[in-house]
């Protein structure tokens, strides 16, 4: 029998942590970086769940500094994003 498509590779841990991030340019001709923030609501070895007012889209690449490991930079790829009322709920894969 096949694996359930909703099953995750890594177990997620609930969290509630403010996250300041930068959306990196998707086109070489667009060198504008956008700074925004959100709230990390869960995390795993492979990714994070994020709530933000910024209209994230699948394919966006985000970077942020680790608050607990000074000088450690994280990069994540937005795998999915859903508008929910006045904010966006997104899932990011760590890359």
PDB file of N, CA and C in Angstrom:
ATOM      1  N   UNK A   1       0.822  -1.183   0.000  1.00  0.00           N
ATOM      2  CA  UNK A   1       0.000   0.000   0.000  1.00  0.00           C
ATOM      3  C   UNK A   1       0.872   1.254   0.000  1.00  0.00           C
ATOM      4  N   UNK A   2       0.481   2.303  -0.719  1.00  0.00           N
ATOM      5  CA  UNK A   2       1.270   3.528  -0.831  1.00  0.00           C
ATOM      6  C   UNK A   2       1.217   4.396   0.407  1.00  0.00           C
ATOM      7  N   UNK A   3       2.121   5.344   0.452  1.00  0.00           N
ATOM      8  CA  UNK A   3       2.194   6.282   1.575  1.00  0.00           C
ATOM      9  C   UNK A   3       1.104   7.339   1.435  1.00  0.00           C
ATOM     10  N   UNK A   4       0.495   7.704   2.543  1.00  0.00           N
ATOM     11  CA  UNK A   4      -0.537   8.745   2.542  1.00  0.00           C
ATOM     12  C   UNK A   4       0.072  10.054   2.049  1.00  0.00           C
ATOM     13  N   UNK A   5      -0.558  10.759   1.090  1.00  0.00           N
ATOM     14  CA  UNK A   5       0.045  11.988   0.559  1.00  0.00           C
ATOM     15  C   UNK A   5       0.136  13.115   1.575  1.00  0.00           C
ATOM     16  N   UNK A   6      -0.633  13.077   2.649  1.00  0.00           N
ATOM     17  CA  UNK A   6      -0.579  14.139   3.652  1.00  0.00           C
ATOM     18  C   UNK A   6       0.448  13.853   4.743  1.00  0.00           C
ATOM     19  N   UNK A   7       1.072  12.690   4.689  1.00  0.00           N
ATOM     20  CA  UNK A   7       2.055  12.325   5.702  1.00  0.00           C
ATOM     21  C   UNK A   7       3.339  13.127   5.483  1.00  0.00           C
ATOM     22  N   UNK A   8       3.912  13.637   6.566  1.00  0.00           N
ATOM     23  CA  UNK A   8       5.127  14.453   6.474  1.00  0.00           C
ATOM     24  C   UNK A   8       6.363  13.582   6.682  1.00  0.00           C
ATOM     25  N   UNK A   9       7.463  14.007   6.066  1.00  0.00           N
ATOM     26  CA  UNK A   9       8.726  13.284   6.240  1.00  0.00           C
ATOM     27  C   UNK A   9       9.305  13.506   7.627  1.00  0.00           C
ATOM     28  N   UNK A  10       9.091  14.705   8.196  1.00  0.00           N
ATOM     29  CA  UNK A  10       9.649  15.047   9.497  1.00  0.00           C
ATOM     30  C   UNK A  10       8.524  15.441  10.441  1.00  0.00           C
ATOM     31  N   UNK A  11       8.662  15.076  11.696  1.00  0.00           N
ATOM     32  CA  UNK A  11       7.673  15.459  12.700  1.00  0.00           C
ATOM     33  C   UNK A  11       7.795  16.950  12.983  1.00  0.00           C
ATOM     34  N   UNK A  12       6.662  17.650  13.035  1.00  0.00           N
ATOM     35  CA  UNK A  12       6.657  19.090  13.296  1.00  0.00           C
ATOM     36  C   UNK A  12       6.467  19.356  14.777  1.00  0.00           C
ATOM     37  N   UNK A  13       7.109  20.413  15.252  1.00  0.00           N
ATOM     38  CA  UNK A  13       6.987  20.866  16.626  1.00  0.00           C
ATOM     39  C   UNK A  13       6.315  22.238  16.605  1.00  0.00           C
ATOM     40  N   UNK A  14       5.290  22.405  17.419  1.00  0.00           N
ATOM     41  CA  UNK A  14       4.601  23.689  17.500  1.00  0.00           C
ATOM     42  C   UNK A  14       5.516  24.728  18.136  1.00  0.00           C
ATOM     43  N   UNK A  15       5.500  25.937  17.612  1.00  0.00           N
ATOM     44  CA  UNK A  15       6.276  27.033  18.188  1.00  0.00           C
ATOM     45  C   UNK A  15       5.539  28.343  17.939  1.00  0.00           C
ATOM     46  N   UNK A  16       6.018  29.382  18.539  1.00  0.00           N
ATOM     47  CA  UNK A  16       5.429  30.717  18.380  1.00  0.00           C
ATOM     48  C   UNK A  16       6.583  31.705  18.494  1.00  0.00           C
ATOM     49  N   UNK A  17       7.182  32.044  17.350  1.00  0.00           N
ATOM     50  CA  UNK A  17       8.398  32.850  17.356  1.00  0.00           C
ATOM     51  C   UNK A  17       8.333  33.878  16.231  1.00  0.00           C
ATOM     52  N   UNK A  18       8.619  35.142  16.541  1.00  0.00           N
ATOM     53  CA  UNK A  18       8.652  36.193  15.534  1.00  0.00           C
ATOM     54  C   UNK A  18       9.821  35.943  14.584  1.00  0.00           C
ATOM     55  N   UNK A  19       9.589  36.135  13.298  1.00  0.00           N
ATOM     56  CA  UNK A  19      10.605  35.875  12.292  1.00  0.00           C
ATOM     57  C   UNK A  19      10.682  37.068  11.342  1.00  0.00           C
ATOM     58  N   UNK A  20      11.833  37.736  11.292  1.00  0.00           N
ATOM     59  CA  UNK A  20      12.094  38.801  10.321  1.00  0.00           C
ATOM     60  C   UNK A  20      12.804  38.147   9.145  1.00  0.00           C
ATOM     61  N   UNK A  21      12.244  38.308   7.943  1.00  0.00           N
ATOM     62  CA  UNK A  21      12.809  37.631   6.785  1.00  0.00           C
ATOM     63  C   UNK A  21      12.943  38.586   5.610  1.00  0.00           C
ATOM     64  N   UNK A  22      13.725  38.154   4.627  1.00  0.00           N
ATOM     65  CA  UNK A  22      13.896  38.872   3.373  1.00  0.00           C
ATOM     66  C   UNK A  22      13.434  37.956   2.247  1.00  0.00           C
ATOM     67  N   UNK A  23      12.574  38.485   1.373  1.00  0.00           N
ATOM     68  CA  UNK A  23      12.170  37.759   0.171  1.00  0.00           C
ATOM     69  C   UNK A  23      13.199  38.095  -0.900  1.00  0.00           C
ATOM     70  N   UNK A  24      13.903  37.089  -1.381  1.00  0.00           N
ATOM     71  CA  UNK A  24      14.948  37.308  -2.379  1.00  0.00           C
ATOM     72  C   UNK A  24      14.325  37.478  -3.764  1.00  0.00           C
ATOM     73  N   UNK A  25      14.979  38.248  -4.636  1.00  0.00           N
ATOM     74  CA  UNK A  25      14.427  38.467  -5.979  1.00  0.00           C
ATOM     75  C   UNK A  25      14.341  37.158  -6.750  1.00  0.00           C
ATOM     76  N   UNK A  26      13.237  36.989  -7.496  1.00  0.00           N
ATOM     77  CA  UNK A  26      13.038  35.772  -8.275  1.00  0.00           C
ATOM     78  C   UNK A  26      13.575  35.921  -9.695  1.00  0.00           C
ATOM     79  N   UNK A  27      13.712  37.146 -10.151  1.00  0.00           N
ATOM     80  CA  UNK A  27      14.219  37.421 -11.495  1.00  0.00           C
ATOM     81  C   UNK A  27      15.545  38.157 -11.376  1.00  0.00           C
ATOM     82  N   UNK A  28      16.486  37.836 -12.239  1.00  0.00           N
ATOM     83  CA  UNK A  28      17.790  38.497 -12.215  1.00  0.00           C
ATOM     84  C   UNK A  28      17.636  39.990 -12.479  1.00  0.00           C
ATOM     85  N   UNK A  29      16.661  40.361 -13.309  1.00  0.00           N
ATOM     86  CA  UNK A  29      16.459  41.775 -13.631  1.00  0.00           C
ATOM     87  C   UNK A  29      15.850  42.557 -12.464  1.00  0.00           C
ATOM     88  N   UNK A  30      15.287  41.839 -11.489  1.00  0.00           N
ATOM     89  CA  UNK A  30      14.663  42.483 -10.326  1.00  0.00           C
ATOM     90  C   UNK A  30      15.560  42.255  -9.116  1.00  0.00           C
ATOM     91  N   UNK A  31      16.371  43.248  -8.782  1.00  0.00           N
ATOM     92  CA  UNK A  31      17.328  43.092  -7.689  1.00  0.00           C
ATOM     93  C   UNK A  31      16.780  43.598  -6.354  1.00  0.00           C
ATOM     94  N   UNK A  32      15.497  43.902  -6.316  1.00  0.00           N
ATOM     95  CA  UNK A  32      14.888  44.432  -5.103  1.00  0.00           C
ATOM     96  C   UNK A  32      14.633  43.307  -4.099  1.00  0.00           C
ATOM     97  N   UNK A  33      15.143  43.498  -2.890  1.00  0.00           N
ATOM     98  CA  UNK A  33      14.876  42.562  -1.805  1.00  0.00           C
ATOM     99  C   UNK A  33      13.779  43.167  -0.940  1.00  0.00           C
ATOM    100  N   UNK A  34      12.851  42.356  -0.519  1.00  0.00           N
ATOM    101  CA  UNK A  34      11.741  42.845   0.290  1.00  0.00           C
ATOM    102  C   UNK A  34      11.886  42.301   1.703  1.00  0.00           C
ATOM    103  N   UNK A  35      11.884  43.214   2.667  1.00  0.00           N
ATOM    104  CA  UNK A  35      11.984  42.802   4.072  1.00  0.00           C
ATOM    105  C   UNK A  35      10.586  42.789   4.664  1.00  0.00           C
ATOM    106  N   UNK A  36      10.299  41.753   5.439  1.00  0.00           N
ATOM    107  CA  UNK A  36       9.006  41.625   6.082  1.00  0.00           C
ATOM    108  C   UNK A  36       9.168  40.784   7.337  1.00  0.00           C
ATOM    109  N   UNK A  37       8.051  40.484   7.979  1.00  0.00           N
ATOM    110  CA  UNK A  37       8.111  39.654   9.182  1.00  0.00           C
ATOM    111  C   UNK A  37       6.862  38.796   9.249  1.00  0.00           C
ATOM    112  N   UNK A  38       6.921  37.823  10.118  1.00  0.00           N
ATOM    113  CA  UNK A  38       5.802  36.923  10.318  1.00  0.00           C
ATOM    114  C   UNK A  38       5.999  36.171  11.614  1.00  0.00           C
ATOM    115  N   UNK A  39       5.178  35.181  11.816  1.00  0.00           N
ATOM    116  CA  UNK A  39       5.250  34.369  13.024  1.00  0.00           C
ATOM    117  C   UNK A  39       5.417  32.912  12.615  1.00  0.00           C
ATOM    118  N   UNK A  40       6.533  32.307  13.067  1.00  0.00           N
ATOM    119  CA  UNK A  40       6.769  30.894  12.826  1.00  0.00           C
ATOM    120  C   UNK A  40       5.864  30.118  13.783  1.00  0.00           C
ATOM    121  N   UNK A  41       5.016  29.233  13.233  1.00  0.00           N
ATOM    122  CA  UNK A  41       4.067  28.524  14.084  1.00  0.00           C
ATOM    123  C   UNK A  41       4.401  27.051  14.277  1.00  0.00           C
ATOM    124  N   UNK A  42       5.239  26.507  13.407  1.00  0.00           N
ATOM    125  CA  UNK A  42       5.737  25.148  13.623  1.00  0.00           C
ATOM    126  C   UNK A  42       7.042  24.979  12.859  1.00  0.00           C
ATOM    127  N   UNK A  43       7.795  23.965  13.260  1.00  0.00           N
ATOM    128  CA  UNK A  43       9.101  23.740  12.651  1.00  0.00           C
ATOM    129  C   UNK A  43       9.426  22.251  12.672  1.00  0.00           C
ATOM    130  N   UNK A  44      10.254  21.847  11.721  1.00  0.00           N
ATOM    131  CA  UNK A  44      10.762  20.485  11.665  1.00  0.00           C
ATOM    132  C   UNK A  44      12.176  20.531  11.116  1.00  0.00           C
ATOM    133  N   UNK A  45      12.770  19.364  10.969  1.00  0.00           N
ATOM    134  CA  UNK A  45      14.103  19.274  10.376  1.00  0.00           C
ATOM    135  C   UNK A  45      14.105  19.792   8.944  1.00  0.00           C
ATOM    136  N   UNK A  46      12.965  19.653   8.263  1.00  0.00           N
ATOM    137  CA  UNK A  46      12.912  19.981   6.845  1.00  0.00           C
ATOM    138  C   UNK A  46      12.236  21.284   6.478  1.00  0.00           C
ATOM    139  N   UNK A  47      11.570  21.949   7.453  1.00  0.00           N
ATOM    140  CA  UNK A  47      10.882  23.174   7.076  1.00  0.00           C
ATOM    141  C   UNK A  47      10.181  23.854   8.228  1.00  0.00           C
ATOM    142  N   UNK A  48       9.444  24.918   7.891  1.00  0.00           N
ATOM    143  CA  UNK A  48       8.707  25.670   8.906  1.00  0.00           C
ATOM    144  C   UNK A  48       7.329  26.038   8.371  1.00  0.00           C
ATOM    145  N   UNK A  49       6.418  26.316   9.288  1.00  0.00           N
ATOM    146  CA  UNK A  49       5.123  26.891   8.970  1.00  0.00           C
ATOM    147  C   UNK A  49       5.153  28.343   9.391  1.00  0.00           C
ATOM    148  N   UNK A  50       4.617  29.226   8.569  1.00  0.00           N
ATOM    149  CA  UNK A  50       4.739  30.660   8.794  1.00  0.00           C
ATOM    150  C   UNK A  50       3.403  31.351   8.545  1.00  0.00           C
ATOM    151  N   UNK A  51       3.088  32.335   9.376  1.00  0.00           N
ATOM    152  CA  UNK A  51       1.944  33.219   9.155  1.00  0.00           C
ATOM    153  C   UNK A  51       2.490  34.632   8.996  1.00  0.00           C
ATOM    154  N   UNK A  52       2.067  35.323   7.928  1.00  0.00           N
ATOM    155  CA  UNK A  52       2.561  36.663   7.638  1.00  0.00           C
ATOM    156  C   UNK A  52       1.498  37.464   6.900  1.00  0.00           C
ATOM    157  N   UNK A  53       1.611  38.767   6.952  1.00  0.00           N
ATOM    158  CA  UNK A  53       0.719  39.627   6.166  1.00  0.00           C
ATOM    159  C   UNK A  53       1.261  39.824   4.752  1.00  0.00           C
ATOM    160  N   UNK A  54       2.535  39.468   4.532  1.00  0.00           N
ATOM    161  CA  UNK A  54       3.133  39.605   3.202  1.00  0.00           C
ATOM    162  C   UNK A  54       2.556  38.527   2.278  1.00  0.00           C
ATOM    163  N   UNK A  55       2.161  38.875   1.049  1.00  0.00           N
ATOM    164  CA  UNK A  55       1.540  37.905   0.139  1.00  0.00           C
ATOM    165  C   UNK A  55       2.547  36.915  -0.455  1.00  0.00           C
ATOM    166  N   UNK A  56       2.979  35.960   0.347  1.00  0.00           N
ATOM    167  CA  UNK A  56       3.921  34.949  -0.134  1.00  0.00           C
ATOM    168  C   UNK A  56       3.281  34.102  -1.221  1.00  0.00           C
ATOM    169  N   UNK A  57       4.121  33.662  -2.154  1.00  0.00           N
ATOM    170  CA  UNK A  57       3.673  32.802  -3.245  1.00  0.00           C
ATOM    171  C   UNK A  57       4.593  31.605  -3.335  1.00  0.00           C
ATOM    172  N   UNK A  58       4.047  30.501  -3.811  1.00  0.00           N
ATOM    173  CA  UNK A  58       4.846  29.307  -4.046  1.00  0.00           C
ATOM    174  C   UNK A  58       6.016  29.677  -4.960  1.00  0.00           C
ATOM    175  N   UNK A  59       7.215  29.271  -4.586  1.00  0.00           N
ATOM    176  CA  UNK A  59       8.407  29.594  -5.370  1.00  0.00           C
ATOM    177  C   UNK A  59       9.228  30.733  -4.803  1.00  0.00           C
ATOM    178  N   UNK A  60       8.650  31.557  -3.930  1.00  0.00           N
ATOM    179  CA  UNK A  60       9.446  32.614  -3.288  1.00  0.00           C
ATOM    180  C   UNK A  60      10.564  31.975  -2.464  1.00  0.00           C
ATOM    181  N   UNK A  61      11.695  32.635  -2.420  1.00  0.00           N
ATOM    182  CA  UNK A  61      12.823  32.195  -1.595  1.00  0.00           C
ATOM    183  C   UNK A  61      13.022  33.227  -0.495  1.00  0.00           C
ATOM    184  N   UNK A  62      13.055  32.759   0.751  1.00  0.00           N
ATOM    185  CA  UNK A  62      13.214  33.638   1.910  1.00  0.00           C
ATOM    186  C   UNK A  62      14.527  33.328   2.616  1.00  0.00           C
ATOM    187  N   UNK A  63      15.122  34.359   3.218  1.00  0.00           N
ATOM    188  CA  UNK A  63      16.289  34.145   4.065  1.00  0.00           C
ATOM    189  C   UNK A  63      16.065  34.873   5.380  1.00  0.00           C
ATOM    190  N   UNK A  64      16.626  34.301   6.458  1.00  0.00           N
ATOM    191  CA  UNK A  64      16.513  34.918   7.775  1.00  0.00           C
ATOM    192  C   UNK A  64      17.649  34.427   8.651  1.00  0.00           C
ATOM    193  N   UNK A  65      17.992  35.270   9.622  1.00  0.00           N
ATOM    194  CA  UNK A  65      19.040  34.930  10.582  1.00  0.00           C
ATOM    195  C   UNK A  65      18.452  34.117  11.716  1.00  0.00           C
ATOM    196  N   UNK A  66      19.212  33.152  12.180  1.00  0.00           N
ATOM    197  CA  UNK A  66      18.813  32.338  13.318  1.00  0.00           C
ATOM    198  C   UNK A  66      19.006  33.151  14.589  1.00  0.00           C
ATOM    199  N   UNK A  67      17.959  33.317  15.365  1.00  0.00           N
ATOM    200  CA  UNK A  67      18.045  34.098  16.606  1.00  0.00           C
ATOM    201  C   UNK A  67      18.865  33.387  17.676  1.00  0.00           C
ATOM    202  N   UNK A  68      18.980  32.056  17.561  1.00  0.00           N
ATOM    203  CA  UNK A  68      19.646  31.281  18.602  1.00  0.00           C
ATOM    204  C   UNK A  68      21.107  30.956  18.265  1.00  0.00           C
ATOM    205  N   UNK A  69      21.445  30.948  16.980  1.00  0.00           N
ATOM    206  CA  UNK A  69      22.816  30.685  16.547  1.00  0.00           C
ATOM    207  C   UNK A  69      23.315  31.895  15.774  1.00  0.00           C
ATOM    208  N   UNK A  70      23.995  32.802  16.467  1.00  0.00           N
ATOM    209  CA  UNK A  70      24.449  34.051  15.854  1.00  0.00           C
ATOM    210  C   UNK A  70      25.310  33.757  14.614  1.00  0.00           C
ATOM    211  N   UNK A  71      24.999  34.479  13.534  1.00  0.00           N
ATOM    212  CA  UNK A  71      25.752  34.318  12.296  1.00  0.00           C
ATOM    213  C   UNK A  71      25.269  33.168  11.419  1.00  0.00           C
ATOM    214  N   UNK A  72      24.245  32.434  11.847  1.00  0.00           N
ATOM    215  CA  UNK A  72      23.720  31.316  11.063  1.00  0.00           C
ATOM    216  C   UNK A  72      22.529  31.788  10.239  1.00  0.00           C
ATOM    217  N   UNK A  73      22.608  31.652   8.924  1.00  0.00           N
ATOM    218  CA  UNK A  73      21.583  32.115   8.001  1.00  0.00           C
ATOM    219  C   UNK A  73      20.750  30.926   7.522  1.00  0.00           C
ATOM    220  N   UNK A  74      19.428  31.097   7.475  1.00  0.00           N
ATOM    221  CA  UNK A  74      18.531  30.067   6.944  1.00  0.00           C
ATOM    222  C   UNK A  74      17.971  30.533   5.614  1.00  0.00           C
ATOM    223  N   UNK A  75      17.726  29.589   4.717  1.00  0.00           N
ATOM    224  CA  UNK A  75      17.087  29.868   3.446  1.00  0.00           C
ATOM    225  C   UNK A  75      15.962  28.857   3.272  1.00  0.00           C
ATOM    226  N   UNK A  76      14.782  29.357   2.889  1.00  0.00           N
ATOM    227  CA  UNK A  76      13.633  28.488   2.709  1.00  0.00           C
ATOM    228  C   UNK A  76      12.902  28.784   1.414  1.00  0.00           C
ATOM    229  N   UNK A  77      12.335  27.740   0.824  1.00  0.00           N
ATOM    230  CA  UNK A  77      11.552  27.846  -0.399  1.00  0.00           C
ATOM    231  C   UNK A  77      10.083  27.697  -0.032  1.00  0.00           C
ATOM    232  N   UNK A  78       9.268  28.659  -0.428  1.00  0.00           N
ATOM    233  CA  UNK A  78       7.834  28.582  -0.155  1.00  0.00           C
ATOM    234  C   UNK A  78       7.257  27.486  -1.044  1.00  0.00           C
ATOM    235  N   UNK A  79       6.766  26.417  -0.411  1.00  0.00           N
ATOM    236  CA  UNK A  79       6.184  25.291  -1.136  1.00  0.00           C
ATOM    237  C   UNK A  79       4.701  25.515  -1.419  1.00  0.00           C
ATOM    238  N   UNK A  80       4.026  26.193  -0.494  1.00  0.00           N
ATOM    239  CA  UNK A  80       2.606  26.497  -0.665  1.00  0.00           C
ATOM    240  C   UNK A  80       2.263  27.713   0.180  1.00  0.00           C
ATOM    241  N   UNK A  81       1.211  28.392  -0.200  1.00  0.00           N
ATOM    242  CA  UNK A  81       0.741  29.562   0.537  1.00  0.00           C
ATOM    243  C   UNK A  81      -0.762  29.691   0.328  1.00  0.00           C
ATOM    244  N   UNK A  82      -1.485  30.013   1.407  1.00  0.00           N
ATOM    245  CA  UNK A  82      -2.931  30.202   1.339  1.00  0.00           C
ATOM    246  C   UNK A  82      -3.302  31.497   2.017  1.00  0.00           C
ATOM    247  N   UNK A  83      -4.153  32.282   1.364  1.00  0.00           N
ATOM    248  CA  UNK A  83      -4.666  33.503   1.993  1.00  0.00           C
ATOM    249  C   UNK A  83      -5.747  33.091   2.982  1.00  0.00           C
ATOM    250  N   UNK A  84      -5.651  33.602   4.198  1.00  0.00           N
ATOM    251  CA  UNK A  84      -6.627  33.323   5.246  1.00  0.00           C
ATOM    252  C   UNK A  84      -6.991  34.639   5.915  1.00  0.00           C
ATOM    253  N   UNK A  85      -8.164  35.160   5.578  1.00  0.00           N
ATOM    254  CA  UNK A  85      -8.605  36.469   6.081  1.00  0.00           C
ATOM    255  C   UNK A  85      -7.600  37.549   5.705  1.00  0.00           C
ATOM    256  N   UNK A  86      -6.927  38.171   6.678  1.00  0.00           N
ATOM    257  CA  UNK A  86      -6.002  39.270   6.387  1.00  0.00           C
ATOM    258  C   UNK A  86      -4.535  38.849   6.445  1.00  0.00           C
ATOM    259  N   UNK A  87      -4.261  37.549   6.386  1.00  0.00           N
ATOM    260  CA  UNK A  87      -2.873  37.090   6.419  1.00  0.00           C
ATOM    261  C   UNK A  87      -2.689  35.881   5.493  1.00  0.00           C
ATOM    262  N   UNK A  88      -1.448  35.423   5.400  1.00  0.00           N
ATOM    263  CA  UNK A  88      -1.098  34.268   4.583  1.00  0.00           C
ATOM    264  C   UNK A  88      -0.492  33.207   5.476  1.00  0.00           C
ATOM    265  N   UNK A  89      -0.875  31.974   5.236  1.00  0.00           N
ATOM    266  CA  UNK A  89      -0.316  30.818   5.936  1.00  0.00           C
ATOM    267  C   UNK A  89       0.509  30.082   4.895  1.00  0.00           C
ATOM    268  N   UNK A  90       1.802  29.849   5.180  1.00  0.00           N
ATOM    269  CA  UNK A  90       2.698  29.257   4.196  1.00  0.00           C
ATOM    270  C   UNK A  90       3.529  28.142   4.795  1.00  0.00           C
ATOM    271  N   UNK A  91       3.925  27.216   3.948  1.00  0.00           N
ATOM    272  CA  UNK A  91       4.847  26.144   4.319  1.00  0.00           C
ATOM    273  C   UNK A  91       6.133  26.318   3.545  1.00  0.00           C
ATOM    274  N   UNK A  92       7.262  26.325   4.263  1.00  0.00           N
ATOM    275  CA  UNK A  92       8.570  26.510   3.647  1.00  0.00           C
ATOM    276  C   UNK A  92       9.421  25.262   3.834  1.00  0.00           C
ATOM    277  N   UNK A  93      10.132  24.875   2.781  1.00  0.00           N
ATOM    278  CA  UNK A  93      11.118  23.806   2.861  1.00  0.00           C
ATOM    279  C   UNK A  93      12.482  24.460   3.044  1.00  0.00           C
ATOM    280  N   UNK A  94      13.249  23.993   4.012  1.00  0.00           N
ATOM    281  CA  UNK A  94      14.598  24.521   4.218  1.00  0.00           C
ATOM    282  C   UNK A  94      15.509  24.023   3.103  1.00  0.00           C
ATOM    283  N   UNK A  95      16.308  24.952   2.544  1.00  0.00           N
ATOM    284  CA  UNK A  95      17.242  24.581   1.471  1.00  0.00           C
ATOM    285  C   UNK A  95      18.636  25.021   1.843  1.00  0.00           C
TER     286      UNK A  95
END
